PDB file of N, CA and C in Angstrom:
ATOM      1  N   MET A   1     -79.392 -33.051 -48.424  1.00  0.00           N
ATOM      2  CA  MET A   1     -78.213 -33.912 -48.400  1.00  0.00           C
ATOM      3  C   MET A   1     -77.316 -33.635 -49.608  1.00  0.00           C
ATOM      4  N   THR A   2     -77.903 -33.216 -50.719  1.00  0.00           N
ATOM      5  CA  THR A   2     -77.111 -32.929 -51.909  1.00  0.00           C
ATOM      6  C   THR A   2     -76.119 -31.806 -51.646  1.00  0.00           C
ATOM      7  N   THR A   3     -76.560 -30.779 -50.932  1.00  0.00           N
ATOM      8  CA  THR A   3     -75.660 -29.668 -50.618  1.00  0.00           C
ATOM      9  C   THR A   3     -74.510 -30.151 -49.744  1.00  0.00           C
ATOM     10  N   ALA A   4     -74.807 -30.959 -48.743  1.00  0.00           N
ATOM     11  CA  ALA A   4     -73.754 -31.490 -47.867  1.00  0.00           C
ATOM     12  C   ALA A   4     -72.769 -32.338 -48.669  1.00  0.00           C
ATOM     13  N   ALA A   5     -73.273 -33.159 -49.572  1.00  0.00           N
ATOM     14  CA  ALA A   5     -72.401 -33.996 -50.408  1.00  0.00           C
ATOM     15  C   ALA A   5     -71.501 -33.124 -51.275  1.00  0.00           C
ATOM     16  N   ASN A   6     -72.083 -32.108 -51.897  1.00  0.00           N
ATOM     17  CA  ASN A   6     -71.294 -31.236 -52.770  1.00  0.00           C
ATOM     18  C   ASN A   6     -70.250 -30.450 -51.990  1.00  0.00           C
ATOM     19  N   ILE A   7     -70.589 -30.029 -50.776  1.00  0.00           N
ATOM     20  CA  ILE A   7     -69.608 -29.330 -49.934  1.00  0.00           C
ATOM     21  C   ILE A   7     -68.476 -30.288 -49.560  1.00  0.00           C
ATOM     22  N   ALA A   8     -68.823 -31.516 -49.184  1.00  0.00           N
ATOM     23  CA  ALA A   8     -67.795 -32.510 -48.843  1.00  0.00           C
ATOM     24  C   ALA A   8     -66.906 -32.812 -50.045  1.00  0.00           C
ATOM     25  N   ILE A   9     -67.499 -32.931 -51.219  1.00  0.00           N
ATOM     26  CA  ILE A   9     -66.722 -33.187 -52.439  1.00  0.00           C
ATOM     27  C   ILE A   9     -65.800 -32.009 -52.728  1.00  0.00           C
ATOM     28  N   ALA A  10     -66.304 -30.792 -52.566  1.00  0.00           N
ATOM     29  CA  ALA A  10     -65.474 -29.601 -52.783  1.00  0.00           C
ATOM     30  C   ALA A  10     -64.309 -29.569 -51.787  1.00  0.00           C
ATOM     31  N   LEU A  11     -64.556 -29.977 -50.550  1.00  0.00           N
ATOM     32  CA  LEU A  11     -63.471 -30.019 -49.561  1.00  0.00           C
ATOM     33  C   LEU A  11     -62.411 -31.058 -49.931  1.00  0.00           C
ATOM     34  N   VAL A  12     -62.852 -32.207 -50.435  1.00  0.00           N
ATOM     35  CA  VAL A  12     -61.900 -33.229 -50.898  1.00  0.00           C
ATOM     36  C   VAL A  12     -61.080 -32.663 -52.067  1.00  0.00           C
ATOM     37  N   ALA A  13     -61.737 -31.962 -52.976  1.00  0.00           N
ATOM     38  CA  ALA A  13     -61.022 -31.355 -54.105  1.00  0.00           C
ATOM     39  C   ALA A  13     -60.013 -30.318 -53.611  1.00  0.00           C
ATOM     40  N   LEU A  14     -60.414 -29.506 -52.636  1.00  0.00           N
ATOM     41  CA  LEU A  14     -59.487 -28.507 -52.092  1.00  0.00           C
ATOM     42  C   LEU A  14     -58.289 -29.158 -51.403  1.00  0.00           C
ATOM     43  N   LEU A  15     -58.541 -30.234 -50.676  1.00  0.00           N
ATOM     44  CA  LEU A  15     -57.435 -30.972 -50.059  1.00  0.00           C
ATOM     45  C   LEU A  15     -56.433 -31.431 -51.113  1.00  0.00           C
ATOM     46  N   HIS A  16     -56.943 -31.959 -52.205  1.00  0.00           N
ATOM     47  CA  HIS A  16     -56.054 -32.468 -53.249  1.00  0.00           C
ATOM     48  C   HIS A  16     -55.376 -31.347 -54.015  1.00  0.00           C
ATOM     49  N   ALA A  17     -56.008 -30.200 -54.101  1.00  0.00           N
ATOM     50  CA  ALA A  17     -55.339 -29.033 -54.689  1.00  0.00           C
ATOM     51  C   ALA A  17     -54.165 -28.619 -53.786  1.00  0.00           C
ATOM     52  N   TYR A  18     -54.385 -28.691 -52.478  1.00  0.00           N
ATOM     53  CA  TYR A  18     -53.329 -28.402 -51.513  1.00  0.00           C
ATOM     54  C   TYR A  18     -52.184 -29.404 -51.651  1.00  0.00           C
ATOM     55  N   PHE A  19     -52.526 -30.690 -51.784  1.00  0.00           N
ATOM     56  CA  PHE A  19     -51.496 -31.711 -51.981  1.00  0.00           C
ATOM     57  C   PHE A  19     -50.710 -31.444 -53.261  1.00  0.00           C
ATOM     58  N   LEU A  20     -51.408 -31.029 -54.316  1.00  0.00           N
ATOM     59  CA  LEU A  20     -50.750 -30.704 -55.585  1.00  0.00           C
ATOM     60  C   LEU A  20     -49.700 -29.625 -55.359  1.00  0.00           C
ATOM     61  N   VAL A  21     -50.084 -28.548 -54.685  1.00  0.00           N
ATOM     62  CA  VAL A  21     -49.149 -27.449 -54.436  1.00  0.00           C
ATOM     63  C   VAL A  21     -47.963 -27.919 -53.591  1.00  0.00           C
ATOM     64  N   LEU A  22     -48.260 -28.677 -52.535  1.00  0.00           N
ATOM     65  CA  LEU A  22     -47.179 -29.196 -51.688  1.00  0.00           C
ATOM     66  C   LEU A  22     -46.204 -30.050 -52.481  1.00  0.00           C
ATOM     67  N   GLU A  23     -46.727 -30.951 -53.284  1.00  0.00           N
ATOM     68  CA  GLU A  23     -45.870 -31.916 -53.980  1.00  0.00           C
ATOM     69  C   GLU A  23     -45.198 -31.342 -55.221  1.00  0.00           C
ATOM     70  N   MET A  24     -45.874 -30.454 -55.920  1.00  0.00           N
ATOM     71  CA  MET A  24     -45.296 -29.935 -57.162  1.00  0.00           C
ATOM     72  C   MET A  24     -44.404 -28.713 -56.956  1.00  0.00           C
ATOM     73  N   PHE A  25     -44.754 -27.884 -55.977  1.00  0.00           N
ATOM     74  CA  PHE A  25     -44.064 -26.592 -55.861  1.00  0.00           C
ATOM     75  C   PHE A  25     -43.326 -26.385 -54.537  1.00  0.00           C
ATOM     76  N   LEU A  26     -43.738 -27.074 -53.483  1.00  0.00           N
ATOM     77  CA  LEU A  26     -43.149 -26.816 -52.169  1.00  0.00           C
ATOM     78  C   LEU A  26     -42.362 -27.997 -51.600  1.00  0.00           C
ATOM     79  N   TRP A  27     -42.257 -29.069 -52.359  1.00  0.00           N
ATOM     80  CA  TRP A  27     -41.637 -30.304 -51.872  1.00  0.00           C
ATOM     81  C   TRP A  27     -40.268 -30.073 -51.255  1.00  0.00           C
ATOM     82  N   ASP A  28     -39.428 -29.303 -51.939  1.00  0.00           N
ATOM     83  CA  ASP A  28     -38.055 -29.101 -51.459  1.00  0.00           C
ATOM     84  C   ASP A  28     -37.870 -27.766 -50.744  1.00  0.00           C
ATOM     85  N   LYS A  29     -38.966 -27.070 -50.502  1.00  0.00           N
ATOM     86  CA  LYS A  29     -38.924 -25.816 -49.744  1.00  0.00           C
ATOM     87  C   LYS A  29     -39.130 -26.136 -48.260  1.00  0.00           C
ATOM     88  N   PRO A  30     -38.765 -25.222 -47.366  1.00  0.00           N
ATOM     89  CA  PRO A  30     -38.900 -25.506 -45.932  1.00  0.00           C
ATOM     90  C   PRO A  30     -40.308 -25.958 -45.513  1.00  0.00           C
ATOM     91  N   PHE A  31     -41.345 -25.318 -46.030  1.00  0.00           N
ATOM     92  CA  PHE A  31     -42.712 -25.709 -45.656  1.00  0.00           C
ATOM     93  C   PHE A  31     -43.028 -27.137 -46.098  1.00  0.00           C
ATOM     94  N   GLY A  32     -42.682 -27.467 -47.318  1.00  0.00           N
ATOM     95  CA  GLY A  32     -42.925 -28.812 -47.836  1.00  0.00           C
ATOM     96  C   GLY A  32     -42.110 -29.867 -47.105  1.00  0.00           C
ATOM     97  N   ARG A  33     -40.849 -29.535 -46.828  1.00  0.00           N
ATOM     98  CA  ARG A  33     -40.015 -30.500 -46.101  1.00  0.00           C
ATOM     99  C   ARG A  33     -40.550 -30.749 -44.701  1.00  0.00           C
ATOM    100  N   ARG A  34     -41.041 -29.692 -44.039  1.00  0.00           N
ATOM    101  CA  ARG A  34     -41.642 -29.872 -42.711  1.00  0.00           C
ATOM    102  C   ARG A  34     -42.920 -30.698 -42.803  1.00  0.00           C
ATOM    103  N   ALA A  35     -43.756 -30.422 -43.801  1.00  0.00           N
ATOM    104  CA  ALA A  35     -45.033 -31.132 -43.941  1.00  0.00           C
ATOM    105  C   ALA A  35     -44.822 -32.630 -44.107  1.00  0.00           C
ATOM    106  N   PHE A  36     -43.781 -33.002 -44.844  1.00  0.00           N
ATOM    107  CA  PHE A  36     -43.529 -34.416 -45.125  1.00  0.00           C
ATOM    108  C   PHE A  36     -42.361 -34.983 -44.317  1.00  0.00           C
ATOM    109  N   LYS A  37     -41.791 -34.178 -43.437  1.00  0.00           N
ATOM    110  CA  LYS A  37     -40.661 -34.603 -42.591  1.00  0.00           C
ATOM    111  C   LYS A  37     -39.491 -35.134 -43.439  1.00  0.00           C
ATOM    112  N   LEU A  38     -39.062 -34.310 -44.388  1.00  0.00           N
ATOM    113  CA  LEU A  38     -38.012 -34.701 -45.331  1.00  0.00           C
ATOM    114  C   LEU A  38     -36.701 -34.005 -45.021  1.00  0.00           C
ATOM    115  N   THR A  39     -35.623 -34.680 -45.287  1.00  0.00           N
ATOM    116  CA  THR A  39     -34.315 -34.025 -45.245  1.00  0.00           C
ATOM    117  C   THR A  39     -34.148 -33.241 -46.544  1.00  0.00           C
ATOM    118  N   PRO A  40     -33.329 -32.198 -46.531  1.00  0.00           N
ATOM    119  CA  PRO A  40     -33.094 -31.453 -47.773  1.00  0.00           C
ATOM    120  C   PRO A  40     -32.568 -32.352 -48.894  1.00  0.00           C
ATOM    121  N   GLU A  41     -31.718 -33.319 -48.530  1.00  0.00           N
ATOM    122  CA  GLU A  41     -31.132 -34.210 -49.537  1.00  0.00           C
ATOM    123  C   GLU A  41     -32.198 -35.109 -50.170  1.00  0.00           C
ATOM    124  N   PHE A  42     -33.051 -35.684 -49.331  1.00  0.00           N
ATOM    125  CA  PHE A  42     -34.104 -36.555 -49.861  1.00  0.00           C
ATOM    126  C   PHE A  42     -35.098 -35.750 -50.699  1.00  0.00           C
ATOM    127  N   ALA A  43     -35.444 -34.554 -50.220  1.00  0.00           N
ATOM    128  CA  ALA A  43     -36.385 -33.709 -50.968  1.00  0.00           C
ATOM    129  C   ALA A  43     -35.830 -33.374 -52.350  1.00  0.00           C
ATOM    130  N   ALA A  44     -34.553 -33.044 -52.403  1.00  0.00           N
ATOM    131  CA  ALA A  44     -33.937 -32.717 -53.697  1.00  0.00           C
ATOM    132  C   ALA A  44     -33.905 -33.933 -54.616  1.00  0.00           C
ATOM    133  N   ALA A  45     -33.566 -35.086 -54.046  1.00  0.00           N
ATOM    134  CA  ALA A  45     -33.451 -36.306 -54.855  1.00  0.00           C
ATOM    135  C   ALA A  45     -34.799 -36.803 -55.347  1.00  0.00           C
ATOM    136  N   SER A  46     -35.861 -36.534 -54.619  1.00  0.00           N
ATOM    137  CA  SER A  46     -37.181 -37.076 -54.977  1.00  0.00           C
ATOM    138  C   SER A  46     -38.136 -36.025 -55.543  1.00  0.00           C
ATOM    139  N   LYS A  47     -37.627 -34.852 -55.840  1.00  0.00           N
ATOM    140  CA  LYS A  47     -38.471 -33.744 -56.309  1.00  0.00           C
ATOM    141  C   LYS A  47     -39.268 -34.110 -57.563  1.00  0.00           C
ATOM    142  N   GLY A  48     -38.656 -34.776 -58.498  1.00  0.00           N
ATOM    143  CA  GLY A  48     -39.353 -35.155 -59.731  1.00  0.00           C
ATOM    144  C   GLY A  48     -40.476 -36.146 -59.475  1.00  0.00           C
ATOM    145  N   LEU A  49     -40.233 -37.118 -58.603  1.00  0.00           N
ATOM    146  CA  LEU A  49     -41.271 -38.084 -58.251  1.00  0.00           C
ATOM    147  C   LEU A  49     -42.446 -37.397 -57.562  1.00  0.00           C
ATOM    148  N   ALA A  50     -42.129 -36.469 -56.660  1.00  0.00           N
ATOM    149  CA  ALA A  50     -43.179 -35.747 -55.943  1.00  0.00           C
ATOM    150  C   ALA A  50     -44.011 -34.895 -56.903  1.00  0.00           C
ATOM    151  N   ALA A  51     -43.357 -34.267 -57.865  1.00  0.00           N
ATOM    152  CA  ALA A  51     -44.086 -33.449 -58.841  1.00  0.00           C
ATOM    153  C   ALA A  51     -45.038 -34.320 -59.652  1.00  0.00           C
ATOM    154  N   ASN A  52     -44.603 -35.508 -60.011  1.00  0.00           N
ATOM    155  CA  ASN A  52     -45.466 -36.442 -60.737  1.00  0.00           C
ATOM    156  C   ASN A  52     -46.670 -36.829 -59.881  1.00  0.00           C
ATOM    157  N   GLN A  53     -46.423 -37.109 -58.624  1.00  0.00           N
ATOM    158  CA  GLN A  53     -47.502 -37.449 -57.695  1.00  0.00           C
ATOM    159  C   GLN A  53     -48.470 -36.268 -57.546  1.00  0.00           C
ATOM    160  N   GLY A  54     -47.930 -35.063 -57.479  1.00  0.00           N
ATOM    161  CA  GLY A  54     -48.772 -33.868 -57.397  1.00  0.00           C
ATOM    162  C   GLY A  54     -49.649 -33.711 -58.618  1.00  0.00           C
ATOM    163  N   LEU A  55     -49.104 -34.036 -59.777  1.00  0.00           N
ATOM    164  CA  LEU A  55     -49.891 -33.956 -61.007  1.00  0.00           C
ATOM    165  C   LEU A  55     -51.094 -34.891 -60.951  1.00  0.00           C
ATOM    166  N   TYR A  56     -50.889 -36.097 -60.424  1.00  0.00           N
ATOM    167  CA  TYR A  56     -52.006 -37.030 -60.279  1.00  0.00           C
ATOM    168  C   TYR A  56     -53.068 -36.478 -59.337  1.00  0.00           C
ATOM    169  N   ASN A  57     -52.642 -35.801 -58.280  1.00  0.00           N
ATOM    170  CA  ASN A  57     -53.610 -35.156 -57.402  1.00  0.00           C
ATOM    171  C   ASN A  57     -54.392 -34.091 -58.167  1.00  0.00           C
ATOM    172  N   GLY A  58     -53.726 -33.423 -59.092  1.00  0.00           N
ATOM    173  CA  GLY A  58     -54.409 -32.444 -59.933  1.00  0.00           C
ATOM    174  C   GLY A  58     -55.481 -33.078 -60.797  1.00  0.00           C
ATOM    175  N   PHE A  59     -55.224 -34.281 -61.289  1.00  0.00           N
ATOM    176  CA  PHE A  59     -56.240 -34.975 -62.080  1.00  0.00           C
ATOM    177  C   PHE A  59     -57.454 -35.309 -61.217  1.00  0.00           C
ATOM    178  N   LEU A  60     -57.219 -35.681 -59.963  1.00  0.00           N
ATOM    179  CA  LEU A  60     -58.340 -35.950 -59.056  1.00  0.00           C
ATOM    180  C   LEU A  60     -59.148 -34.681 -58.826  1.00  0.00           C
ATOM    181  N   VAL A  61     -58.463 -33.560 -58.632  1.00  0.00           N
ATOM    182  CA  VAL A  61     -59.151 -32.271 -58.466  1.00  0.00           C
ATOM    183  C   VAL A  61     -59.987 -31.966 -59.702  1.00  0.00           C
ATOM    184  N   ALA A  62     -59.383 -32.117 -60.873  1.00  0.00           N
ATOM    185  CA  ALA A  62     -60.097 -31.816 -62.114  1.00  0.00           C
ATOM    186  C   ALA A  62     -61.345 -32.680 -62.246  1.00  0.00           C
ATOM    187  N   GLY A  63     -61.240 -33.960 -61.932  1.00  0.00           N
ATOM    188  CA  GLY A  63     -62.394 -34.844 -62.033  1.00  0.00           C
ATOM    189  C   GLY A  63     -63.491 -34.480 -61.054  1.00  0.00           C
ATOM    190  N   LEU A  64     -63.121 -34.150 -59.821  1.00  0.00           N
ATOM    191  CA  LEU A  64     -64.128 -33.778 -58.829  1.00  0.00           C
ATOM    192  C   LEU A  64     -64.804 -32.456 -59.198  1.00  0.00           C
ATOM    193  N   VAL A  65     -64.021 -31.500 -59.667  1.00  0.00           N
ATOM    194  CA  VAL A  65     -64.604 -30.220 -60.098  1.00  0.00           C
ATOM    195  C   VAL A  65     -65.502 -30.425 -61.311  1.00  0.00           C
ATOM    196  N   TRP A  66     -65.078 -31.267 -62.217  1.00  0.00           N
ATOM    197  CA  TRP A  66     -65.900 -31.596 -63.389  1.00  0.00           C
ATOM    198  C   TRP A  66     -67.232 -32.184 -62.930  1.00  0.00           C
ATOM    199  N   GLY A  67     -67.190 -33.157 -62.043  1.00  0.00           N
ATOM    200  CA  GLY A  67     -68.417 -33.761 -61.527  1.00  0.00           C
ATOM    201  C   GLY A  67     -69.321 -32.737 -60.862  1.00  0.00           C
ATOM    202  N   LEU A  68     -68.732 -31.855 -60.064  1.00  0.00           N
ATOM    203  CA  LEU A  68     -69.525 -30.808 -59.412  1.00  0.00           C
ATOM    204  C   LEU A  68     -70.148 -29.866 -60.433  1.00  0.00           C
ATOM    205  N   SER A  69     -69.399 -29.553 -61.481  1.00  0.00           N
ATOM    206  CA  SER A  69     -69.909 -28.619 -62.494  1.00  0.00           C
ATOM    207  C   SER A  69     -71.081 -29.197 -63.285  1.00  0.00           C
ATOM    208  N   LEU A  70     -71.186 -30.514 -63.315  1.00  0.00           N
ATOM    209  CA  LEU A  70     -72.287 -31.159 -64.041  1.00  0.00           C
ATOM    210  C   LEU A  70     -73.576 -31.212 -63.222  1.00  0.00           C
ATOM    211  N   GLY A  71     -73.486 -30.862 -61.953  1.00  0.00           N
ATOM    212  CA  GLY A  71     -74.671 -30.907 -61.092  1.00  0.00           C
ATOM    213  C   GLY A  71     -75.141 -32.339 -60.891  1.00  0.00           C
ATOM    214  N   ALA A  72     -76.457 -32.511 -60.899  1.00  0.00           N
ATOM    215  CA  ALA A  72     -77.041 -33.840 -60.669  1.00  0.00           C
ATOM    216  C   ALA A  72     -76.599 -34.844 -61.730  1.00  0.00           C
ATOM    217  N   ALA A  73     -76.345 -34.371 -62.923  1.00  0.00           N
ATOM    218  CA  ALA A  73     -75.916 -35.263 -64.006  1.00  0.00           C
ATOM    219  C   ALA A  73     -74.496 -35.787 -63.801  1.00  0.00           C
ATOM    220  N   GLY A  74     -73.762 -35.210 -62.848  1.00  0.00           N
ATOM    221  CA  GLY A  74     -72.369 -35.602 -62.637  1.00  0.00           C
ATOM    222  C   GLY A  74     -72.163 -36.648 -61.561  1.00  0.00           C
ATOM    223  N   ILE A  75     -73.238 -37.290 -61.126  1.00  0.00           N
ATOM    224  CA  ILE A  75     -73.095 -38.254 -60.024  1.00  0.00           C
ATOM    225  C   ILE A  75     -72.102 -39.369 -60.347  1.00  0.00           C
ATOM    226  N   ASP A  76     -72.153 -39.906 -61.555  1.00  0.00           N
ATOM    227  CA  ASP A  76     -71.230 -40.990 -61.910  1.00  0.00           C
ATOM    228  C   ASP A  76     -69.779 -40.513 -61.912  1.00  0.00           C
ATOM    229  N   VAL A  77     -69.550 -39.301 -62.384  1.00  0.00           N
ATOM    230  CA  VAL A  77     -68.199 -38.726 -62.396  1.00  0.00           C
ATOM    231  C   VAL A  77     -67.711 -38.537 -60.964  1.00  0.00           C
ATOM    232  N   LYS A  78     -68.587 -38.013 -60.105  1.00  0.00           N
ATOM    233  CA  LYS A  78     -68.217 -37.798 -58.705  1.00  0.00           C
ATOM    234  C   LYS A  78     -67.919 -39.127 -58.011  1.00  0.00           C
ATOM    235  N   VAL A  79     -68.754 -40.109 -58.245  1.00  0.00           N
ATOM    236  CA  VAL A  79     -68.537 -41.429 -57.633  1.00  0.00           C
ATOM    237  C   VAL A  79     -67.197 -41.997 -58.093  1.00  0.00           C
ATOM    238  N   PHE A  80     -66.924 -41.929 -59.390  1.00  0.00           N
ATOM    239  CA  PHE A  80     -65.676 -42.483 -59.915  1.00  0.00           C
ATOM    240  C   PHE A  80     -64.459 -41.820 -59.274  1.00  0.00           C
ATOM    241  N   PHE A  81     -64.427 -40.484 -59.272  1.00  0.00           N
ATOM    242  CA  PHE A  81     -63.240 -39.803 -58.761  1.00  0.00           C
ATOM    243  C   PHE A  81     -63.121 -39.910 -57.245  1.00  0.00           C
ATOM    244  N   LEU A  82     -64.240 -39.931 -56.533  1.00  0.00           N
ATOM    245  CA  LEU A  82     -64.166 -40.176 -55.091  1.00  0.00           C
ATOM    246  C   LEU A  82     -63.647 -41.589 -54.820  1.00  0.00           C
ATOM    247  N   ALA A  83     -64.086 -42.546 -55.616  1.00  0.00           N
ATOM    248  CA  ALA A  83     -63.590 -43.920 -55.450  1.00  0.00           C
ATOM    249  C   ALA A  83     -62.080 -43.975 -55.708  1.00  0.00           C
ATOM    250  N   CYS A  84     -61.607 -43.227 -56.686  1.00  0.00           N
ATOM    251  CA  CYS A  84     -60.159 -43.156 -56.943  1.00  0.00           C
ATOM    252  C   CYS A  84     -59.427 -42.598 -55.736  1.00  0.00           C
ATOM    253  N   VAL A  85     -59.979 -41.554 -55.124  1.00  0.00           N
ATOM    254  CA  VAL A  85     -59.364 -40.962 -53.938  1.00  0.00           C
ATOM    255  C   VAL A  85     -59.347 -41.972 -52.795  1.00  0.00           C
ATOM    256  N   VAL A  86     -60.457 -42.686 -52.601  1.00  0.00           N
ATOM    257  CA  VAL A  86     -60.528 -43.682 -51.534  1.00  0.00           C
ATOM    258  C   VAL A  86     -59.469 -44.763 -51.744  1.00  0.00           C
ATOM    259  N   VAL A  87     -59.374 -45.295 -52.949  1.00  0.00           N
ATOM    260  CA  VAL A  87     -58.390 -46.345 -53.236  1.00  0.00           C
ATOM    261  C   VAL A  87     -56.970 -45.823 -53.012  1.00  0.00           C
ATOM    262  N   ALA A  88     -56.691 -44.629 -53.502  1.00  0.00           N
ATOM    263  CA  ALA A  88     -55.359 -44.048 -53.308  1.00  0.00           C
ATOM    264  C   ALA A  88     -55.069 -43.852 -51.820  1.00  0.00           C
ATOM    265  N   GLY A  89     -56.066 -43.400 -51.069  1.00  0.00           N
ATOM    266  CA  GLY A  89     -55.893 -43.194 -49.635  1.00  0.00           C
ATOM    267  C   GLY A  89     -55.677 -44.490 -48.881  1.00  0.00           C
ATOM    268  N   LEU A  90     -56.416 -45.522 -49.256  1.00  0.00           N
ATOM    269  CA  LEU A  90     -56.236 -46.825 -48.615  1.00  0.00           C
ATOM    270  C   LEU A  90     -54.857 -47.399 -48.931  1.00  0.00           C
ATOM    271  N   PHE A  91     -54.450 -47.287 -50.187  1.00  0.00           N
ATOM    272  CA  PHE A  91     -53.138 -47.787 -50.591  1.00  0.00           C
ATOM    273  C   PHE A  91     -52.025 -47.019 -49.882  1.00  0.00           C
ATOM    274  N   GLY A  92     -52.141 -45.690 -49.883  1.00  0.00           N
ATOM    275  CA  GLY A  92     -51.139 -44.875 -49.209  1.00  0.00           C
ATOM    276  C   GLY A  92     -51.093 -45.152 -47.715  1.00  0.00           C
ATOM    277  N   GLY A  93     -52.261 -45.359 -47.118  1.00  0.00           N
ATOM    278  CA  GLY A  93     -52.319 -45.676 -45.696  1.00  0.00           C
ATOM    279  C   GLY A  93     -51.672 -47.008 -45.377  1.00  0.00           C
ATOM    280  N   ALA A  94     -51.794 -47.945 -46.297  1.00  0.00           N
ATOM    281  CA  ALA A  94     -51.223 -49.275 -46.081  1.00  0.00           C
ATOM    282  C   ALA A  94     -49.727 -49.330 -46.395  1.00  0.00           C
ATOM    283  N   THR A  95     -49.258 -48.495 -47.314  1.00  0.00           N
ATOM    284  CA  THR A  95     -47.872 -48.614 -47.775  1.00  0.00           C
ATOM    285  C   THR A  95     -46.948 -47.483 -47.347  1.00  0.00           C
ATOM    286  N   VAL A  96     -47.508 -46.329 -46.992  1.00  0.00           N
ATOM    287  CA  VAL A  96     -46.657 -45.172 -46.685  1.00  0.00           C
ATOM    288  C   VAL A  96     -46.832 -44.718 -45.240  1.00  0.00           C
ATOM    289  N   SER A  97     -48.049 -44.310 -44.893  1.00  0.00           N
ATOM    290  CA  SER A  97     -48.307 -43.780 -43.557  1.00  0.00           C
ATOM    291  C   SER A  97     -49.785 -43.901 -43.233  1.00  0.00           C
ATOM    292  N   ARG A  98     -50.076 -44.322 -42.033  1.00  0.00           N
ATOM    293  CA  ARG A  98     -51.468 -44.450 -41.601  1.00  0.00           C
ATOM    294  C   ARG A  98     -52.180 -43.094 -41.612  1.00  0.00           C
ATOM    295  N   VAL A  99     -51.424 -42.022 -41.508  1.00  0.00           N
ATOM    296  CA  VAL A  99     -51.999 -40.671 -41.536  1.00  0.00           C
ATOM    297  C   VAL A  99     -52.784 -40.453 -42.826  1.00  0.00           C
ATOM    298  N   ILE A 100     -52.321 -41.040 -43.922  1.00  0.00           N
ATOM    299  CA  ILE A 100     -52.984 -40.870 -45.215  1.00  0.00           C
ATOM    300  C   ILE A 100     -54.426 -41.372 -45.158  1.00  0.00           C
ATOM    301  N   LEU A 101     -54.679 -42.395 -44.382  1.00  0.00           N
ATOM    302  CA  LEU A 101     -56.060 -42.880 -44.224  1.00  0.00           C
ATOM    303  C   LEU A 101     -56.966 -41.766 -43.726  1.00  0.00           C
ATOM    304  N   PHE A 102     -56.487 -41.012 -42.756  1.00  0.00           N
ATOM    305  CA  PHE A 102     -57.306 -39.977 -42.128  1.00  0.00           C
ATOM    306  C   PHE A 102     -57.360 -38.695 -42.942  1.00  0.00           C
ATOM    307  N   VAL A 103     -56.290 -38.394 -43.654  1.00  0.00           N
ATOM    308  CA  VAL A 103     -56.222 -37.146 -44.415  1.00  0.00           C
ATOM    309  C   VAL A 103     -56.846 -37.288 -45.797  1.00  0.00           C
ATOM    310  N   GLN A 104     -56.771 -38.464 -46.388  1.00  0.00           N
ATOM    311  CA  GLN A 104     -57.218 -38.652 -47.759  1.00  0.00           C
ATOM    312  C   GLN A 104     -58.425 -39.581 -47.853  1.00  0.00           C
ATOM    313  N   ALA A 105     -58.325 -40.776 -47.309  1.00  0.00           N
ATOM    314  CA  ALA A 105     -59.388 -41.767 -47.507  1.00  0.00           C
ATOM    315  C   ALA A 105     -60.663 -41.422 -46.745  1.00  0.00           C
ATOM    316  N   ILE A 106     -60.555 -41.078 -45.474  1.00  0.00           N
ATOM    317  CA  ILE A 106     -61.751 -40.837 -44.658  1.00  0.00           C
ATOM    318  C   ILE A 106     -62.586 -39.674 -45.195  1.00  0.00           C
ATOM    319  N   PRO A 107     -61.987 -38.508 -45.537  1.00  0.00           N
ATOM    320  CA  PRO A 107     -62.823 -37.441 -46.111  1.00  0.00           C
ATOM    321  C   PRO A 107     -63.538 -37.879 -47.400  1.00  0.00           C
ATOM    322  N   ALA A 108     -62.846 -38.654 -48.241  1.00  0.00           N
ATOM    323  CA  ALA A 108     -63.471 -39.126 -49.482  1.00  0.00           C
ATOM    324  C   ALA A 108     -64.573 -40.132 -49.196  1.00  0.00           C
ATOM    325  N   ILE A 109     -64.383 -40.981 -48.204  1.00  0.00           N
ATOM    326  CA  ILE A 109     -65.422 -41.960 -47.829  1.00  0.00           C
ATOM    327  C   ILE A 109     -66.651 -41.218 -47.324  1.00  0.00           C
ATOM    328  N   ILE A 110     -66.452 -40.190 -46.521  1.00  0.00           N
ATOM    329  CA  ILE A 110     -67.567 -39.393 -46.007  1.00  0.00           C
ATOM    330  C   ILE A 110     -68.297 -38.729 -47.168  1.00  0.00           C
ATOM    331  N   ALA A 111     -67.550 -38.111 -48.075  1.00  0.00           N
ATOM    332  CA  ALA A 111     -68.172 -37.450 -49.230  1.00  0.00           C
ATOM    333  C   ALA A 111     -68.932 -38.455 -50.088  1.00  0.00           C
ATOM    334  N   LEU A 112     -68.351 -39.627 -50.296  1.00  0.00           N
ATOM    335  CA  LEU A 112     -69.006 -40.666 -51.097  1.00  0.00           C
ATOM    336  C   LEU A 112     -70.279 -41.145 -50.415  1.00  0.00           C
ATOM    337  N   ALA A 113     -70.227 -41.331 -49.108  1.00  0.00           N
ATOM    338  CA  ALA A 113     -71.421 -41.762 -48.364  1.00  0.00           C
ATOM    339  C   ALA A 113     -72.514 -40.706 -48.461  1.00  0.00           C
ATOM    340  N   LEU A 114     -72.163 -39.455 -48.318  1.00  0.00           N
ATOM    341  CA  LEU A 114     -73.168 -38.377 -48.440  1.00  0.00           C
ATOM    342  C   LEU A 114     -73.744 -38.336 -49.851  1.00  0.00           C
ATOM    343  N   LEU A 115     -72.885 -38.509 -50.838  1.00  0.00           N
ATOM    344  CA  LEU A 115     -73.339 -38.504 -52.227  1.00  0.00           C
ATOM    345  C   LEU A 115     -74.303 -39.645 -52.504  1.00  0.00           C
ATOM    346  N   LEU A 116     -73.955 -40.836 -52.045  1.00  0.00           N
ATOM    347  CA  LEU A 116     -74.801 -42.007 -52.314  1.00  0.00           C
ATOM    348  C   LEU A 116     -76.085 -42.002 -51.484  1.00  0.00           C
ATOM    349  N   ALA A 117     -76.107 -41.221 -50.410  1.00  0.00           N
ATOM    350  CA  ALA A 117     -77.304 -41.113 -49.577  1.00  0.00           C
ATOM    351  C   ALA A 117     -78.344 -40.157 -50.171  1.00  0.00           C
ATOM    352  N   THR A 118     -77.948 -39.395 -51.191  1.00  0.00           N
ATOM    353  CA  THR A 118     -78.888 -38.428 -51.788  1.00  0.00           C
ATOM    354  C   THR A 118     -79.823 -39.104 -52.762  1.00  0.00           C
TER     355      THR A 118
END
């Protein structure tokens, strides 16, 4: 079960690395605008906010990778950062788009459940 938990945690980290790239570097590019269904005007006006949001996703990635690098000793770090992802996903799902629940919160909940089951 530990291997499954670590794979799930790594997938959550990869998802957030992808979000970082989308929000920090591709927000106002055609791919980023399509991903978030943005007009060019809105993307340009909100680029700084999106970059800030992407940076926070980077902190989540760093924490999850840190927890993974600690091995068994990193369980508390992994739990903390997965819980942060879950809270962010629930909040985003409630305030922005229900899709965020499925893209962000559910994968983190699965990873957290696998981690706590070990």
